[in-house]
Structures are given as structure tokens and as C-alpha cells.
Amino acid sequence: MVALSELIPPEAIRLDVVAPDWRAAVRAAGDLLVADGTSTDAYTDEMIQNVVDNGPYIVIAPGFAFAHARPSPAVRRTGMSWVRLAEPVEFGHDANDPVDLVVALAAQDSAAHTDAMAALARLLADPEQHDRLQSAATPAALHALLRSHDGVEEPAAAPEPAPAAPDAGRTGTEQHKILTVCGNGVGTSLFLKNTLEQVLGRWGWDRQVSVEATDTISAKGKASEAVAILTSREIARTLGDVGIPVKVVQDFTSTDEVDHVLRDTYDV
């Protein structure tokens, strides 16, 4: 397990960065990855092109953009950077603009950073912790906050009694599958997967429903195995009709919103 504070060292944190637009904001985060040897300038260009090609789906929560691209030769090792902006910028997202925090991920694969992603999602979803991160005066102070949450998991909540467990899935198997989808399968889809799994755990459905994070290309091929897809509005448009319900989530860190979407999916 790789801890969040290991993936985001103090040298990869910059606070109160001036950026005139979203491209400059993403480039500032990419420059930190380049400076510590995580990736090359080519990967920063790929992160920017990802938004150009797929829209601002990386803005996954109010004020928060999670910049990333597919694993590529431009990634030397898995790592992350943190850029807090002096003034928020517009990415073009209908619900979550403007953005004042950009976290960038350069991943060699989707396996090494899943625990760190879950820790980051929990931090940003907690209003008190979010405020502490936003008010940290120095990179060292912010890194200390990240380090204090290494290995800390959300306490298990008692299952909610209301929703009855689902019957056998549309494929006839005992366990249902839900896909969380983003443009690359290693970034925002993992955020949404973590939030969905929290809700399933609270419902007591975590044994009946599995969640798989994937990309747009793979999702079309895997749709026949699943009962639904959860994703952003931009990626939903890209997917089109895949033969199963495609549900839009605006805030990937919000268990309340995902709870509502899940209830709508299963009509409970």
C-alpha cells in the first residue's frame, strides 16, 4: 500500500499559485511532477489534451479538478502533485466551477495508488478536513495533514435497513456489477468507485454488488456484464447508448449524491 503522503511529497505541493486559466493551472501541477522526476513535459501536455478531448470531466467536486491522463511512456513512476490556486479559474464545468484546487496524478498503472485515492476522497469529502487543507499556510503544514491521515479508514457504518438486497443480476449471476467510468480508467473513476463502495457498505450491499473502475473504451465492451454505469455528464455523452442505464454524478466525493443515484438505479 502506498500512502497519500508518499505520493504527494512536500516538494510536489505549491500554494497560492497564480494561473490565468485552466490550462495554466494544469500545467502548474504538471510542472511539479516533472520537477520531482515523476513524469516529463509530454505527460503534462497529455493531461491538458485529455480535457480538450473529453471536456472538463476531471472537475469531480466543487472547486476540485483531478488532472490526469492515460499511463504512458511519459510517466516515469507513479506520483501526484497538489496546487492550490490564488484565484479560482473556470474549467467549463456546469456544476463544479470555479476551481481553486488542482491535484495531478501520473500513474504507471491503476493498482499502486488505489488506497491513496480513497484517502484523498475521504479527506476532500470531510468539510472540516477540507477547510484545514485550504487554510494550510505552507507546503510542510499541508503535507503534515496528509501524513496524519495515512492508513486512516472511515469507520464502518451500520448497514441501512431500508433497501432490500438486489436479486440476481441481468446476466443471471449472483452478484451485480456497476461500472464507474472516466476517460482513462485510473483517475476520476477510482474516486467515484470509492464513494460508491462506501454507500454500498452502509446499505449492506457490498457483497451483492461489485464496482469496477474503467475507461470509456473498455466500458462499452463491459456494459453487458453490468447493471448500470455511473460517470460524469461529459463521459456519459461520449458513451452514448450502451444498452444499460448511464447515471450522471456531479460530485464524485459526495456519498449523499451517490446514495440518491443508487436509489434511482434500483428504484428503492
C-alpha atoms as a PDB file:
ATOM      1  CA  MET A   1       0.000   0.000   0.000  1.00  0.00           C
ATOM      2  CA  VAL A   2       1.334   3.425  -0.997  1.00  0.00           C
ATOM      3  CA  ALA A   3       0.348   6.209   1.394  1.00  0.00           C
ATOM      4  CA  LEU A   4      -1.056   9.507   0.152  1.00  0.00           C
ATOM      5  CA  SER A   5       1.790  11.477   1.753  1.00  0.00           C
ATOM      6  CA  GLU A   6       4.294   9.300  -0.127  1.00  0.00           C
ATOM      7  CA  LEU A   7       2.672  10.046  -3.474  1.00  0.00           C
ATOM      8  CA  ILE A   8       2.472  13.783  -2.667  1.00  0.00           C
ATOM      9  CA  PRO A   9       5.791  14.814  -1.058  1.00  0.00           C
ATOM     10  CA  PRO A  10       6.236  18.409   0.205  1.00  0.00           C
ATOM     11  CA  GLU A  11       8.213  19.248  -2.938  1.00  0.00           C
ATOM     12  CA  ALA A  12       5.124  18.439  -5.044  1.00  0.00           C
ATOM     13  CA  ILE A  13       2.930  20.958  -3.210  1.00  0.00           C
ATOM     14  CA  ARG A  14       2.531  24.610  -4.230  1.00  0.00           C
ATOM     15  CA  LEU A  15       0.153  27.057  -2.578  1.00  0.00           C
ATOM     16  CA  ASP A  16      -1.422  30.291  -3.824  1.00  0.00           C
ATOM     17  CA  VAL A  17      -0.334  29.740  -7.416  1.00  0.00           C
ATOM     18  CA  VAL A  18      -1.365  32.398  -9.930  1.00  0.00           C
ATOM     19  CA  ALA A  19      -2.876  30.833 -13.073  1.00  0.00           C
ATOM     20  CA  PRO A  20      -4.789  32.851 -15.698  1.00  0.00           C
ATOM     21  CA  ASP A  21      -6.801  29.872 -16.967  1.00  0.00           C
ATOM     22  CA  TRP A  22      -7.343  26.132 -16.590  1.00  0.00           C
ATOM     23  CA  ARG A  23      -4.507  25.215 -18.930  1.00  0.00           C
ATOM     24  CA  ALA A  24      -2.033  27.168 -16.811  1.00  0.00           C
ATOM     25  CA  ALA A  25      -3.440  25.566 -13.661  1.00  0.00           C
ATOM     26  CA  VAL A  26      -2.971  22.042 -15.037  1.00  0.00           C
ATOM     27  CA  ARG A  27       0.479  22.957 -16.327  1.00  0.00           C
ATOM     28  CA  ALA A  28       1.494  24.221 -12.878  1.00  0.00           C
ATOM     29  CA  ALA A  29       0.521  20.838 -11.413  1.00  0.00           C
ATOM     30  CA  GLY A  30       2.330  19.040 -14.240  1.00  0.00           C
ATOM     31  CA  ASP A  31       5.476  21.113 -13.721  1.00  0.00           C
ATOM     32  CA  LEU A  32       5.682  19.804 -10.158  1.00  0.00           C
ATOM     33  CA  LEU A  33       5.515  16.211 -11.439  1.00  0.00           C
ATOM     34  CA  VAL A  34       8.319  16.999 -13.877  1.00  0.00           C
ATOM     35  CA  ALA A  35      10.446  18.716 -11.227  1.00  0.00           C
ATOM     36  CA  ASP A  36      10.459  15.676  -8.923  1.00  0.00           C
ATOM     37  CA  GLY A  37      11.077  13.187 -11.739  1.00  0.00           C
ATOM     38  CA  THR A  38       7.619  11.623 -11.771  1.00  0.00           C
ATOM     39  CA  SER A  39       6.866  12.456 -15.403  1.00  0.00           C
ATOM     40  CA  THR A  40       8.004  14.513 -18.383  1.00  0.00           C
ATOM     41  CA  ASP A  41       6.613  17.620 -20.053  1.00  0.00           C
ATOM     42  CA  ALA A  42       4.934  15.333 -22.568  1.00  0.00           C
ATOM     43  CA  TYR A  43       2.682  13.955 -19.835  1.00  0.00           C
ATOM     44  CA  THR A  44       1.622  17.470 -18.847  1.00  0.00           C
ATOM     45  CA  ASP A  45       0.629  18.036 -22.471  1.00  0.00           C
ATOM     46  CA  GLU A  46      -1.339  14.773 -22.356  1.00  0.00           C
ATOM     47  CA  MET A  47      -3.243  15.918 -19.244  1.00  0.00           C
ATOM     48  CA  ILE A  48      -4.221  19.150 -20.994  1.00  0.00           C
ATOM     49  CA  GLN A  49      -5.189  17.317 -24.171  1.00  0.00           C
ATOM     50  CA  ASN A  50      -7.349  14.966 -22.104  1.00  0.00           C
ATOM     51  CA  VAL A  51      -9.552  17.909 -21.122  1.00  0.00           C
ATOM     52  CA  VAL A  52      -9.586  19.230 -24.681  1.00  0.00           C
ATOM     53  CA  ASP A  53     -10.699  15.827 -25.983  1.00  0.00           C
ATOM     54  CA  ASN A  54     -13.136  14.784 -23.235  1.00  0.00           C
ATOM     55  CA  GLY A  55     -14.310  18.036 -21.657  1.00  0.00           C
ATOM     56  CA  PRO A  56     -13.981  19.171 -18.036  1.00  0.00           C
ATOM     57  CA  TYR A  57     -14.959  15.816 -16.515  1.00  0.00           C
ATOM     58  CA  ILE A  58     -11.853  15.995 -14.314  1.00  0.00           C
ATOM     59  CA  VAL A  59     -13.643  18.639 -12.203  1.00  0.00           C
ATOM     60  CA  ILE A  60     -15.161  15.982  -9.975  1.00  0.00           C
ATOM     61  CA  ALA A  61     -16.272  18.062  -6.974  1.00  0.00           C
ATOM     62  CA  PRO A  62     -16.979  21.744  -6.309  1.00  0.00           C
ATOM     63  CA  GLY A  63     -13.717  23.640  -6.690  1.00  0.00           C
ATOM     64  CA  PHE A  64     -11.616  20.500  -7.300  1.00  0.00           C
ATOM     65  CA  ALA A  65     -10.008  19.240 -10.510  1.00  0.00           C
ATOM     66  CA  PHE A  66      -8.186  15.913 -10.655  1.00  0.00           C
ATOM     67  CA  ALA A  67      -5.825  16.220 -13.616  1.00  0.00           C
ATOM     68  CA  HIS A  68      -4.515  13.032 -15.223  1.00  0.00           C
ATOM     69  CA  ALA A  69      -4.059  11.155 -18.472  1.00  0.00           C
ATOM     70  CA  ARG A  70      -3.573   7.547 -19.504  1.00  0.00           C
ATOM     71  CA  PRO A  71      -0.446   5.698 -18.362  1.00  0.00           C
ATOM     72  CA  SER A  72       2.203   6.384 -20.978  1.00  0.00           C
ATOM     73  CA  PRO A  73       5.987   6.323 -21.550  1.00  0.00           C
ATOM     74  CA  ALA A  74       5.983   9.930 -20.315  1.00  0.00           C
ATOM     75  CA  VAL A  75       5.280   8.611 -16.780  1.00  0.00           C
ATOM     76  CA  ARG A  76       8.487   7.524 -15.043  1.00  0.00           C
ATOM     77  CA  ARG A  77       6.864   6.466 -11.759  1.00  0.00           C
ATOM     78  CA  THR A  78       3.523   6.878 -10.036  1.00  0.00           C
ATOM     79  CA  GLY A  79       3.155  10.168  -8.198  1.00  0.00           C
ATOM     80  CA  MET A  80       0.891  13.134  -7.510  1.00  0.00           C
ATOM     81  CA  SER A  81       1.116  16.899  -7.091  1.00  0.00           C
ATOM     82  CA  TRP A  82      -1.032  19.477  -5.292  1.00  0.00           C
ATOM     83  CA  VAL A  83      -1.658  23.041  -6.500  1.00  0.00           C
ATOM     84  CA  ARG A  84      -3.832  25.480  -4.563  1.00  0.00           C
ATOM     85  CA  LEU A  85      -4.665  28.492  -6.692  1.00  0.00           C
ATOM     86  CA  ALA A  86      -4.509  32.098  -5.537  1.00  0.00           C
ATOM     87  CA  GLU A  87      -7.691  32.804  -7.518  1.00  0.00           C
ATOM     88  CA  PRO A  88     -10.125  30.194  -8.852  1.00  0.00           C
ATOM     89  CA  VAL A  89     -10.347  29.515 -12.582  1.00  0.00           C
ATOM     90  CA  GLU A  90     -13.094  28.228 -14.866  1.00  0.00           C
ATOM     91  CA  PHE A  91     -12.748  24.792 -16.474  1.00  0.00           C
ATOM     92  CA  GLY A  92     -16.157  24.937 -18.138  1.00  0.00           C
ATOM     93  CA  HIS A  93     -17.923  22.538 -15.786  1.00  0.00           C
ATOM     94  CA  ASP A  94     -21.652  23.179 -15.368  1.00  0.00           C
ATOM     95  CA  ALA A  95     -21.852  22.436 -11.637  1.00  0.00           C
ATOM     96  CA  ASN A  96     -18.371  22.397 -10.048  1.00  0.00           C
ATOM     97  CA  ASP A  97     -16.656  25.539 -11.385  1.00  0.00           C
ATOM     98  CA  PRO A  98     -14.718  27.587 -10.427  1.00  0.00           C
ATOM     99  CA  VAL A  99     -11.692  25.501  -9.397  1.00  0.00           C
ATOM    100  CA  ASP A 100      -9.200  26.503  -6.726  1.00  0.00           C
ATOM    101  CA  LEU A 101      -7.515  23.107  -6.158  1.00  0.00           C
ATOM    102  CA  VAL A 102      -5.805  21.014  -8.820  1.00  0.00           C
ATOM    103  CA  VAL A 103      -4.344  17.638  -7.877  1.00  0.00           C
ATOM    104  CA  ALA A 104      -2.465  15.879 -10.672  1.00  0.00           C
ATOM    105  CA  LEU A 105      -1.865  12.134 -10.952  1.00  0.00           C
ATOM    106  CA  ALA A 106       0.744  10.410 -13.081  1.00  0.00           C
ATOM    107  CA  ALA A 107       0.154   6.652 -12.862  1.00  0.00           C
ATOM    108  CA  GLN A 108       2.041   3.746 -14.350  1.00  0.00           C
ATOM    109  CA  ASP A 109      -0.994   1.538 -13.711  1.00  0.00           C
ATOM    110  CA  SER A 110      -4.213   1.533 -11.682  1.00  0.00           C
ATOM    111  CA  ALA A 111      -3.021  -0.769  -8.895  1.00  0.00           C
ATOM    112  CA  ALA A 112      -0.446   1.086  -6.820  1.00  0.00           C
ATOM    113  CA  HIS A 113      -2.424   4.183  -5.847  1.00  0.00           C
ATOM    114  CA  THR A 114      -5.952   2.981  -5.088  1.00  0.00           C
ATOM    115  CA  ASP A 115      -5.608   3.272  -1.299  1.00  0.00           C
ATOM    116  CA  ALA A 116      -4.130   6.758  -1.599  1.00  0.00           C
ATOM    117  CA  MET A 117      -7.009   7.782  -3.871  1.00  0.00           C
ATOM    118  CA  ALA A 118      -9.517   6.532  -1.308  1.00  0.00           C
ATOM    119  CA  ALA A 119      -7.749   8.523   1.429  1.00  0.00           C
ATOM    120  CA  LEU A 120      -7.811  11.671  -0.706  1.00  0.00           C
ATOM    121  CA  ALA A 121     -11.506  11.222  -1.479  1.00  0.00           C
ATOM    122  CA  ARG A 122     -12.310  10.894   2.229  1.00  0.00           C
ATOM    123  CA  LEU A 123     -10.276  13.985   3.081  1.00  0.00           C
ATOM    124  CA  LEU A 124     -11.925  16.175   0.472  1.00  0.00           C
ATOM    125  CA  ALA A 125     -15.404  14.929   1.354  1.00  0.00           C
ATOM    126  CA  ASP A 126     -14.946  15.901   5.021  1.00  0.00           C
ATOM    127  CA  PRO A 127     -15.770  19.644   5.351  1.00  0.00           C
ATOM    128  CA  GLU A 128     -13.594  20.099   8.431  1.00  0.00           C
ATOM    129  CA  GLN A 129     -10.547  18.441   6.863  1.00  0.00           C
ATOM    130  CA  HIS A 130     -11.157  20.250   3.588  1.00  0.00           C
ATOM    131  CA  ASP A 131     -11.092  23.602   5.415  1.00  0.00           C
ATOM    132  CA  ARG A 132      -7.826  22.662   7.129  1.00  0.00           C
ATOM    133  CA  LEU A 133      -6.259  21.768   3.798  1.00  0.00           C
ATOM    134  CA  GLN A 134      -7.433  25.036   2.280  1.00  0.00           C
ATOM    135  CA  SER A 135      -6.054  27.097   5.156  1.00  0.00           C
ATOM    136  CA  ALA A 136      -2.656  25.365   5.457  1.00  0.00           C
ATOM    137  CA  ALA A 137      -0.042  28.111   5.405  1.00  0.00           C
ATOM    138  CA  THR A 138       2.903  26.175   3.961  1.00  0.00           C
ATOM    139  CA  PRO A 139       3.542  23.040   1.897  1.00  0.00           C
ATOM    140  CA  ALA A 140       5.043  21.436   5.005  1.00  0.00           C
ATOM    141  CA  ALA A 141       1.881  22.144   7.013  1.00  0.00           C
ATOM    142  CA  LEU A 142      -0.344  20.717   4.282  1.00  0.00           C
ATOM    143  CA  HIS A 143       1.861  17.639   3.935  1.00  0.00           C
ATOM    144  CA  ALA A 144       1.616  17.088   7.692  1.00  0.00           C
ATOM    145  CA  LEU A 145      -2.170  16.989   7.330  1.00  0.00           C
ATOM    146  CA  LEU A 146      -1.896  14.418   4.554  1.00  0.00           C
ATOM    147  CA  ARG A 147       0.558  12.346   6.606  1.00  0.00           C
ATOM    148  CA  SER A 148      -1.715  12.384   9.651  1.00  0.00           C
ATOM    149  CA  HIS A 149      -4.338  10.514   7.620  1.00  0.00           C
ATOM    150  CA  ASP A 150      -2.086   7.820   6.192  1.00  0.00           C
ATOM    151  CA  GLY A 151      -3.709   4.470   6.860  1.00  0.00           C
ATOM    152  CA  VAL A 152      -6.792   6.046   8.444  1.00  0.00           C
ATOM    153  CA  GLU A 153     -10.001   4.491   7.167  1.00  0.00           C
ATOM    154  CA  GLU A 154     -13.541   5.731   7.568  1.00  0.00           C
ATOM    155  CA  PRO A 155     -15.263   3.928  10.459  1.00  0.00           C
ATOM    156  CA  ALA A 156     -17.623   1.255   9.209  1.00  0.00           C
ATOM    157  CA  ALA A 157     -21.219   2.419   9.370  1.00  0.00           C
ATOM    158  CA  ALA A 158     -24.084   0.147  10.317  1.00  0.00           C
ATOM    159  CA  PRO A 159     -25.980  -1.062   7.230  1.00  0.00           C
ATOM    160  CA  GLU A 160     -29.134   0.919   6.500  1.00  0.00           C
ATOM    161  CA  PRO A 161     -32.244  -1.230   6.886  1.00  0.00           C
ATOM    162  CA  ALA A 162     -34.350   0.315   4.099  1.00  0.00           C
ATOM    163  CA  PRO A 163     -33.101  -1.054   0.742  1.00  0.00           C
ATOM    164  CA  ALA A 164     -33.639  -4.758   0.162  1.00  0.00           C
ATOM    165  CA  ALA A 165     -30.659  -6.540  -1.388  1.00  0.00           C
ATOM    166  CA  PRO A 166     -30.887  -6.892  -5.189  1.00  0.00           C
ATOM    167  CA  ASP A 167     -31.902 -10.117  -6.905  1.00  0.00           C
ATOM    168  CA  ALA A 168     -29.682 -11.902  -9.413  1.00  0.00           C
ATOM    169  CA  GLY A 169     -28.212  -9.533 -11.981  1.00  0.00           C
ATOM    170  CA  ARG A 170     -29.221  -9.036 -15.566  1.00  0.00           C
ATOM    171  CA  THR A 171     -26.551 -11.541 -16.626  1.00  0.00           C
ATOM    172  CA  GLY A 172     -28.022 -14.177 -14.305  1.00  0.00           C
ATOM    173  CA  THR A 173     -25.065 -14.095 -11.934  1.00  0.00           C
ATOM    174  CA  GLU A 174     -25.485 -13.877  -8.175  1.00  0.00           C
ATOM    175  CA  GLN A 175     -23.504 -10.637  -7.890  1.00  0.00           C
ATOM    176  CA  HIS A 176     -24.375  -7.386  -9.651  1.00  0.00           C
ATOM    177  CA  LYS A 177     -21.675  -5.187 -11.164  1.00  0.00           C
ATOM    178  CA  ILE A 178     -21.671  -1.404 -11.545  1.00  0.00           C
ATOM    179  CA  LEU A 179     -19.060   0.354 -13.678  1.00  0.00           C
ATOM    180  CA  THR A 180     -17.587   3.739 -12.778  1.00  0.00           C
ATOM    181  CA  VAL A 181     -16.151   5.285 -15.912  1.00  0.00           C
ATOM    182  CA  CYS A 182     -13.746   8.070 -16.837  1.00  0.00           C
ATOM    183  CA  GLY A 183     -11.679   8.866 -19.881  1.00  0.00           C
ATOM    184  CA  ASN A 184      -8.647   6.917 -18.700  1.00  0.00           C
ATOM    185  CA  GLY A 185      -9.789   4.467 -16.029  1.00  0.00           C
ATOM    186  CA  VAL A 186      -7.081   5.338 -13.493  1.00  0.00           C
ATOM    187  CA  GLY A 187      -8.215   8.680 -12.068  1.00  0.00           C
ATOM    188  CA  THR A 188     -11.694  10.072 -11.558  1.00  0.00           C
ATOM    189  CA  SER A 189     -13.360   6.673 -11.965  1.00  0.00           C
ATOM    190  CA  LEU A 190     -11.440   5.463  -8.893  1.00  0.00           C
ATOM    191  CA  PHE A 191     -12.749   8.414  -6.888  1.00  0.00           C
ATOM    192  CA  LEU A 192     -16.303   7.523  -7.832  1.00  0.00           C
ATOM    193  CA  LYS A 193     -15.672   3.818  -7.174  1.00  0.00           C
ATOM    194  CA  ASN A 194     -14.538   4.603  -3.630  1.00  0.00           C
ATOM    195  CA  THR A 195     -17.594   6.747  -2.906  1.00  0.00           C
ATOM    196  CA  LEU A 196     -19.973   4.171  -4.360  1.00  0.00           C
ATOM    197  CA  GLU A 197     -18.378   1.395  -2.311  1.00  0.00           C
ATOM    198  CA  GLN A 198     -18.868   3.476   0.849  1.00  0.00           C
ATOM    199  CA  VAL A 199     -22.592   3.755   0.104  1.00  0.00           C
ATOM    200  CA  LEU A 200     -22.901   0.057  -0.735  1.00  0.00           C
ATOM    201  CA  GLY A 201     -21.205  -0.758   2.565  1.00  0.00           C
ATOM    202  CA  ARG A 202     -23.633   1.402   4.503  1.00  0.00           C
ATOM    203  CA  TRP A 203     -26.548  -0.301   2.767  1.00  0.00           C
ATOM    204  CA  GLY A 204     -25.100  -3.742   3.437  1.00  0.00           C
ATOM    205  CA  TRP A 205     -24.963  -4.398  -0.313  1.00  0.00           C
ATOM    206  CA  ASP A 206     -21.190  -4.703  -0.659  1.00  0.00           C
ATOM    207  CA  ARG A 207     -21.422  -8.485  -1.078  1.00  0.00           C
ATOM    208  CA  GLN A 208     -24.206  -8.315  -3.655  1.00  0.00           C
ATOM    209  CA  VAL A 209     -22.793  -5.503  -5.813  1.00  0.00           C
ATOM    210  CA  SER A 210     -19.214  -5.150  -7.050  1.00  0.00           C
ATOM    211  CA  VAL A 211     -17.762  -1.968  -8.537  1.00  0.00           C
ATOM    212  CA  GLU A 212     -15.217  -1.779 -11.351  1.00  0.00           C
ATOM    213  CA  ALA A 213     -13.449   1.416 -12.419  1.00  0.00           C
ATOM    214  CA  THR A 214     -12.722   1.530 -16.124  1.00  0.00           C
ATOM    215  CA  ASP A 215     -12.280   3.791 -19.161  1.00  0.00           C
ATOM    216  CA  THR A 216     -14.699   4.740 -21.916  1.00  0.00           C
ATOM    217  CA  ILE A 217     -13.403   2.243 -24.461  1.00  0.00           C
ATOM    218  CA  SER A 218     -13.456  -0.716 -22.082  1.00  0.00           C
ATOM    219  CA  ALA A 219     -16.823   0.294 -20.621  1.00  0.00           C
ATOM    220  CA  LYS A 220     -18.579  -0.228 -23.939  1.00  0.00           C
ATOM    221  CA  GLY A 221     -17.298  -3.794 -24.081  1.00  0.00           C
ATOM    222  CA  LYS A 222     -18.075  -4.497 -20.421  1.00  0.00           C
ATOM    223  CA  ALA A 223     -21.561  -2.967 -20.379  1.00  0.00           C
ATOM    224  CA  SER A 224     -23.242  -6.332 -20.967  1.00  0.00           C
ATOM    225  CA  GLU A 225     -21.747  -7.582 -17.681  1.00  0.00           C
ATOM    226  CA  ALA A 226     -23.117  -4.663 -15.621  1.00  0.00           C
ATOM    227  CA  VAL A 227     -26.452  -3.347 -14.407  1.00  0.00           C
ATOM    228  CA  ALA A 228     -25.505   0.346 -14.659  1.00  0.00           C
ATOM    229  CA  ILE A 229     -22.731   2.850 -15.298  1.00  0.00           C
ATOM    230  CA  LEU A 230     -22.007   5.817 -13.025  1.00  0.00           C
ATOM    231  CA  THR A 231     -19.984   8.629 -14.570  1.00  0.00           C
ATOM    232  CA  SER A 232     -19.760  12.357 -15.307  1.00  0.00           C
ATOM    233  CA  ARG A 233     -22.053  14.197 -17.717  1.00  0.00           C
ATOM    234  CA  GLU A 234     -19.222  14.652 -20.223  1.00  0.00           C
ATOM    235  CA  ILE A 235     -18.292  10.959 -20.269  1.00  0.00           C
ATOM    236  CA  ALA A 236     -21.978   9.968 -20.430  1.00  0.00           C
ATOM    237  CA  ARG A 237     -22.249  11.934 -23.669  1.00  0.00           C
ATOM    238  CA  THR A 238     -19.173  10.165 -25.020  1.00  0.00           C
ATOM    239  CA  LEU A 239     -20.526   6.718 -24.125  1.00  0.00           C
ATOM    240  CA  GLY A 240     -23.933   7.243 -25.708  1.00  0.00           C
ATOM    241  CA  ASP A 241     -26.332   4.272 -25.681  1.00  0.00           C
ATOM    242  CA  VAL A 242     -24.563   1.212 -24.271  1.00  0.00           C
ATOM    243  CA  GLY A 243     -27.676  -0.822 -23.513  1.00  0.00           C
ATOM    244  CA  ILE A 244     -27.744  -0.209 -19.742  1.00  0.00           C
ATOM    245  CA  PRO A 245     -28.611   2.849 -17.631  1.00  0.00           C
ATOM    246  CA  VAL A 246     -25.884   5.512 -17.539  1.00  0.00           C
ATOM    247  CA  LYS A 247     -26.242   7.630 -14.389  1.00  0.00           C
ATOM    248  CA  VAL A 248     -24.611  11.052 -14.040  1.00  0.00           C
ATOM    249  CA  VAL A 249     -22.881  12.066 -10.804  1.00  0.00           C
ATOM    250  CA  GLN A 250     -21.757  15.673 -10.348  1.00  0.00           C
ATOM    251  CA  ASP A 251     -19.784  15.424  -7.081  1.00  0.00           C
ATOM    252  CA  PHE A 252     -17.697  12.254  -7.026  1.00  0.00           C
ATOM    253  CA  THR A 253     -16.858  12.738  -3.338  1.00  0.00           C
ATOM    254  CA  SER A 254     -20.486  13.076  -2.160  1.00  0.00           C
ATOM    255  CA  THR A 255     -21.948   9.965  -0.558  1.00  0.00           C
ATOM    256  CA  ASP A 256     -25.324  11.747  -0.379  1.00  0.00           C
ATOM    257  CA  GLU A 257     -25.456  12.274  -4.142  1.00  0.00           C
ATOM    258  CA  VAL A 258     -24.263   8.745  -4.905  1.00  0.00           C
ATOM    259  CA  ASP A 259     -26.827   7.372  -2.439  1.00  0.00           C
ATOM    260  CA  HIS A 260     -29.555   9.205  -4.390  1.00  0.00           C
ATOM    261  CA  VAL A 261     -28.257   7.939  -7.749  1.00  0.00           C
ATOM    262  CA  LEU A 262     -28.065   4.380  -6.447  1.00  0.00           C
ATOM    263  CA  ARG A 263     -31.622   4.556  -5.135  1.00  0.00           C
ATOM    264  CA  ASP A 264     -32.762   5.805  -8.526  1.00  0.00           C
ATOM    265  CA  THR A 265     -30.862   2.988 -10.257  1.00  0.00           C
ATOM    266  CA  TYR A 266     -32.549   0.287  -8.156  1.00  0.00           C
ATOM    267  CA  ASP A 267     -35.828   2.170  -7.625  1.00  0.00           C
ATOM    268  CA  VAL A 268     -35.591   1.983  -3.822  1.00  0.00           C
END
